[in-house]
Amino acid sequence: MNKKELLDELEQARVRTESLIVSLPEDKLEVPYHPGVNPPLWEMGHSAFFYEVFVFNLLDGTPSYDPSMDDLWDSFHVDHKDRWSRDLFPG
């Protein structure tokens, strides 16, 4: 698989994932705290951050969509309990 094919596949995965998340009603995004699980909204933001930084940037030189948000989605900078605070996330 060449670079363009990989980027196309990643874009298709992004579109599918986003369509699944936006199809969920708000109450399905609220899950009880668990020390071994991340909340769905944080996990989606973290996944997007991971792909931006470690895949798109390295493959394509594409910078983060919003570099000011990188620390919010970086698991090295956000304690596990803090990931459960909805006030932490942008609209």
N, C-alpha and C. Protein backbone atom coordinates (compact mmCIF):
# COMPACT_ATOMS: atom_id res chain seq x y z
N MET A 1 0.86 -1.17 0.00
CA MET A 1 0.00 0.00 0.00
C MET A 1 0.91 1.24 0.00
N ASN A 2 0.62 2.16 -0.88
CA ASN A 2 1.43 3.38 -0.93
C ASN A 2 0.85 4.45 0.01
N LYS A 3 1.57 5.55 0.13
CA LYS A 3 1.20 6.61 1.07
C LYS A 3 -0.19 7.17 0.78
N LYS A 4 -0.51 7.41 -0.48
CA LYS A 4 -1.82 7.97 -0.83
C LYS A 4 -2.94 6.99 -0.46
N GLU A 5 -2.74 5.72 -0.74
CA GLU A 5 -3.76 4.73 -0.39
C GLU A 5 -3.97 4.67 1.12
N LEU A 6 -2.89 4.73 1.88
CA LEU A 6 -2.99 4.71 3.33
C LEU A 6 -3.74 5.94 3.83
N LEU A 7 -3.40 7.10 3.32
CA LEU A 7 -4.10 8.32 3.73
C LEU A 7 -5.58 8.26 3.35
N ASP A 8 -5.90 7.71 2.19
CA ASP A 8 -7.31 7.55 1.79
C ASP A 8 -8.05 6.60 2.73
N GLU A 9 -7.41 5.51 3.10
CA GLU A 9 -8.03 4.55 4.03
C GLU A 9 -8.25 5.20 5.40
N LEU A 10 -7.28 5.96 5.86
CA LEU A 10 -7.43 6.65 7.15
C LEU A 10 -8.57 7.67 7.09
N GLU A 11 -8.72 8.35 5.98
CA GLU A 11 -9.81 9.31 5.83
C GLU A 11 -11.16 8.59 5.86
N GLN A 12 -11.25 7.46 5.21
CA GLN A 12 -12.50 6.68 5.24
C GLN A 12 -12.82 6.23 6.67
N ALA A 13 -11.80 5.80 7.39
CA ALA A 13 -12.01 5.39 8.78
C ALA A 13 -12.47 6.57 9.63
N ARG A 14 -11.90 7.76 9.39
CA ARG A 14 -12.31 8.95 10.13
C ARG A 14 -13.77 9.28 9.87
N VAL A 15 -14.17 9.22 8.61
CA VAL A 15 -15.56 9.53 8.25
C VAL A 15 -16.52 8.53 8.89
N ARG A 16 -16.18 7.25 8.85
CA ARG A 16 -17.03 6.23 9.47
C ARG A 16 -17.13 6.43 10.97
N THR A 17 -16.00 6.70 11.61
CA THR A 17 -15.98 6.88 13.06
C THR A 17 -16.80 8.10 13.45
N GLU A 18 -16.61 9.20 12.74
CA GLU A 18 -17.36 10.41 13.06
C GLU A 18 -18.86 10.18 12.88
N SER A 19 -19.26 9.47 11.84
CA SER A 19 -20.70 9.23 11.61
C SER A 19 -21.28 8.37 12.74
N LEU A 20 -20.50 7.44 13.26
CA LEU A 20 -20.98 6.64 14.39
C LEU A 20 -21.15 7.48 15.64
N ILE A 21 -20.18 8.32 15.93
CA ILE A 21 -20.23 9.14 17.14
C ILE A 21 -21.37 10.15 17.08
N VAL A 22 -21.53 10.84 15.96
CA VAL A 22 -22.59 11.86 15.89
C VAL A 22 -23.98 11.23 15.86
N SER A 23 -24.07 9.94 15.55
CA SER A 23 -25.37 9.28 15.55
C SER A 23 -25.84 8.90 16.96
N LEU A 24 -24.91 8.95 17.92
CA LEU A 24 -25.28 8.60 19.29
C LEU A 24 -25.99 9.75 19.98
N PRO A 25 -27.08 9.45 20.69
CA PRO A 25 -27.71 10.50 21.48
C PRO A 25 -26.80 10.88 22.65
N GLU A 26 -26.97 12.07 23.14
CA GLU A 26 -26.12 12.61 24.21
C GLU A 26 -26.03 11.66 25.41
N ASP A 27 -27.14 11.03 25.78
CA ASP A 27 -27.12 10.17 26.97
C ASP A 27 -26.24 8.93 26.78
N LYS A 28 -25.99 8.52 25.54
CA LYS A 28 -25.11 7.38 25.29
C LYS A 28 -23.64 7.75 25.41
N LEU A 29 -23.34 9.05 25.39
CA LEU A 29 -21.96 9.50 25.56
C LEU A 29 -21.60 9.66 27.03
N GLU A 30 -22.59 9.62 27.89
CA GLU A 30 -22.37 9.72 29.33
C GLU A 30 -22.24 8.31 29.88
N VAL A 31 -21.07 7.96 30.32
CA VAL A 31 -20.85 6.64 30.90
C VAL A 31 -20.29 6.83 32.30
N PRO A 32 -20.54 5.87 33.20
CA PRO A 32 -20.01 6.02 34.55
C PRO A 32 -18.49 5.90 34.57
N TYR A 33 -17.90 6.59 35.52
CA TYR A 33 -16.44 6.55 35.66
C TYR A 33 -15.96 5.12 35.90
N HIS A 34 -14.85 4.80 35.25
CA HIS A 34 -14.17 3.53 35.48
C HIS A 34 -12.68 3.79 35.32
N PRO A 35 -11.86 3.32 36.25
CA PRO A 35 -10.42 3.62 36.19
C PRO A 35 -9.70 2.97 35.00
N GLY A 36 -10.32 1.98 34.36
CA GLY A 36 -9.66 1.30 33.24
C GLY A 36 -10.21 1.67 31.88
N VAL A 37 -11.11 2.66 31.84
CA VAL A 37 -11.78 3.04 30.59
C VAL A 37 -11.72 4.55 30.45
N ASN A 38 -11.60 5.03 29.24
CA ASN A 38 -11.70 6.47 28.98
C ASN A 38 -13.11 6.79 28.53
N PRO A 39 -13.61 7.99 28.84
CA PRO A 39 -14.94 8.36 28.37
C PRO A 39 -14.92 8.51 26.84
N PRO A 40 -16.03 8.20 26.18
CA PRO A 40 -16.06 8.21 24.71
C PRO A 40 -15.61 9.51 24.06
N LEU A 41 -16.04 10.66 24.59
CA LEU A 41 -15.65 11.93 23.95
C LEU A 41 -14.15 12.16 24.03
N TRP A 42 -13.57 11.88 25.19
CA TRP A 42 -12.12 12.07 25.31
C TRP A 42 -11.39 11.08 24.41
N GLU A 43 -11.87 9.86 24.35
CA GLU A 43 -11.22 8.84 23.53
C GLU A 43 -11.24 9.23 22.06
N MET A 44 -12.32 9.80 21.59
CA MET A 44 -12.40 10.22 20.19
C MET A 44 -11.43 11.38 19.92
N GLY A 45 -11.39 12.35 20.82
CA GLY A 45 -10.44 13.45 20.65
C GLY A 45 -9.00 12.97 20.71
N HIS A 46 -8.73 12.04 21.61
CA HIS A 46 -7.39 11.48 21.74
C HIS A 46 -7.00 10.71 20.48
N SER A 47 -7.92 9.95 19.92
CA SER A 47 -7.64 9.21 18.68
C SER A 47 -7.32 10.17 17.54
N ALA A 48 -8.10 11.23 17.42
CA ALA A 48 -7.83 12.22 16.37
C ALA A 48 -6.47 12.87 16.57
N PHE A 49 -6.15 13.22 17.81
CA PHE A 49 -4.84 13.78 18.14
C PHE A 49 -3.73 12.82 17.75
N PHE A 50 -3.89 11.56 18.11
CA PHE A 50 -2.88 10.55 17.83
C PHE A 50 -2.62 10.46 16.32
N TYR A 51 -3.69 10.40 15.54
CA TYR A 51 -3.52 10.31 14.09
C TYR A 51 -2.90 11.58 13.51
N GLU A 52 -3.32 12.73 14.01
CA GLU A 52 -2.72 13.98 13.52
C GLU A 52 -1.22 14.01 13.76
N VAL A 53 -0.83 13.71 14.99
CA VAL A 53 0.57 13.87 15.39
C VAL A 53 1.45 12.73 14.88
N PHE A 54 0.97 11.50 15.02
CA PHE A 54 1.84 10.36 14.75
C PHE A 54 1.64 9.72 13.39
N VAL A 55 0.59 10.09 12.67
CA VAL A 55 0.38 9.51 11.34
C VAL A 55 0.43 10.60 10.28
N PHE A 56 -0.54 11.52 10.30
CA PHE A 56 -0.60 12.52 9.23
C PHE A 56 0.62 13.42 9.20
N ASN A 57 1.06 13.86 10.36
CA ASN A 57 2.22 14.73 10.40
C ASN A 57 3.46 14.03 9.86
N LEU A 58 3.65 12.78 10.26
CA LEU A 58 4.83 12.04 9.81
C LEU A 58 4.73 11.62 8.35
N LEU A 59 3.54 11.26 7.89
CA LEU A 59 3.37 10.79 6.51
C LEU A 59 3.28 11.94 5.52
N ASP A 60 2.57 12.97 5.93
CA ASP A 60 2.17 14.00 4.98
C ASP A 60 2.67 15.39 5.36
N GLY A 61 3.24 15.54 6.53
CA GLY A 61 3.68 16.85 6.99
C GLY A 61 2.54 17.76 7.39
N THR A 62 1.33 17.19 7.53
CA THR A 62 0.15 17.97 7.89
C THR A 62 0.23 18.35 9.37
N PRO A 63 0.14 19.64 9.70
CA PRO A 63 0.19 20.05 11.12
C PRO A 63 -1.13 19.73 11.81
N SER A 64 -1.15 19.84 13.12
CA SER A 64 -2.38 19.66 13.88
C SER A 64 -3.43 20.66 13.41
N TYR A 65 -4.68 20.25 13.42
CA TYR A 65 -5.78 21.12 13.03
C TYR A 65 -5.83 22.35 13.93
N ASP A 66 -5.65 22.12 15.24
CA ASP A 66 -5.65 23.22 16.21
C ASP A 66 -4.59 22.90 17.26
N PRO A 67 -3.35 23.31 17.03
CA PRO A 67 -2.26 22.98 17.96
C PRO A 67 -2.52 23.39 19.40
N SER A 68 -3.36 24.40 19.61
CA SER A 68 -3.64 24.83 20.99
C SER A 68 -4.42 23.77 21.76
N MET A 69 -5.00 22.82 21.06
CA MET A 69 -5.78 21.76 21.71
C MET A 69 -4.96 20.49 21.95
N ASP A 70 -3.74 20.43 21.45
CA ASP A 70 -2.96 19.20 21.54
C ASP A 70 -2.80 18.70 22.97
N ASP A 71 -2.52 19.58 23.92
CA ASP A 71 -2.33 19.13 25.30
C ASP A 71 -3.60 18.54 25.90
N LEU A 72 -4.76 18.99 25.45
CA LEU A 72 -6.03 18.45 25.96
C LEU A 72 -6.18 16.97 25.61
N TRP A 73 -5.71 16.59 24.45
CA TRP A 73 -5.93 15.21 23.96
C TRP A 73 -4.72 14.31 24.16
N ASP A 74 -3.64 14.84 24.69
CA ASP A 74 -2.42 14.05 24.89
C ASP A 74 -2.51 13.34 26.23
N SER A 75 -2.52 12.02 26.21
CA SER A 75 -2.69 11.26 27.45
C SER A 75 -1.53 11.44 28.42
N PHE A 76 -0.41 11.98 27.95
CA PHE A 76 0.70 12.27 28.87
C PHE A 76 0.45 13.54 29.68
N HIS A 77 -0.49 14.38 29.21
CA HIS A 77 -0.74 15.66 29.88
C HIS A 77 -2.07 15.73 30.64
N VAL A 78 -2.95 14.77 30.42
CA VAL A 78 -4.28 14.82 31.05
C VAL A 78 -4.44 13.60 31.96
N ASP A 79 -4.57 13.84 33.26
CA ASP A 79 -4.79 12.75 34.20
C ASP A 79 -6.07 12.01 33.86
N HIS A 80 -6.08 10.73 34.17
CA HIS A 80 -7.25 9.90 33.82
C HIS A 80 -8.55 10.46 34.39
N LYS A 81 -8.56 10.83 35.65
CA LYS A 81 -9.81 11.36 36.25
C LYS A 81 -10.25 12.65 35.58
N ASP A 82 -9.31 13.48 35.13
CA ASP A 82 -9.67 14.75 34.49
C ASP A 82 -10.36 14.53 33.15
N ARG A 83 -10.10 13.43 32.50
CA ARG A 83 -10.71 13.13 31.19
C ARG A 83 -12.22 13.00 31.28
N TRP A 84 -12.74 12.81 32.47
CA TRP A 84 -14.16 12.60 32.67
C TRP A 84 -14.91 13.92 32.89
N SER A 85 -14.23 15.04 32.94
CA SER A 85 -14.87 16.34 33.15
C SER A 85 -15.31 16.92 31.81
N ARG A 86 -16.61 17.01 31.59
CA ARG A 86 -17.13 17.55 30.33
C ARG A 86 -16.76 19.01 30.16
N ASP A 87 -16.49 19.73 31.26
CA ASP A 87 -16.10 21.14 31.18
C ASP A 87 -14.75 21.30 30.49
N LEU A 88 -13.98 20.24 30.43
CA LEU A 88 -12.66 20.28 29.83
C LEU A 88 -12.72 20.41 28.31
N PHE A 89 -13.80 19.93 27.71
CA PHE A 89 -13.89 19.82 26.27
C PHE A 89 -14.51 21.02 25.58
N PRO A 90 -14.04 21.32 24.38
CA PRO A 90 -14.69 22.39 23.60
C PRO A 90 -16.09 21.95 23.16
N GLY A 91 -16.89 22.87 22.69
CA GLY A 91 -18.26 22.56 22.27
C GLY A 91 -18.36 21.56 21.15
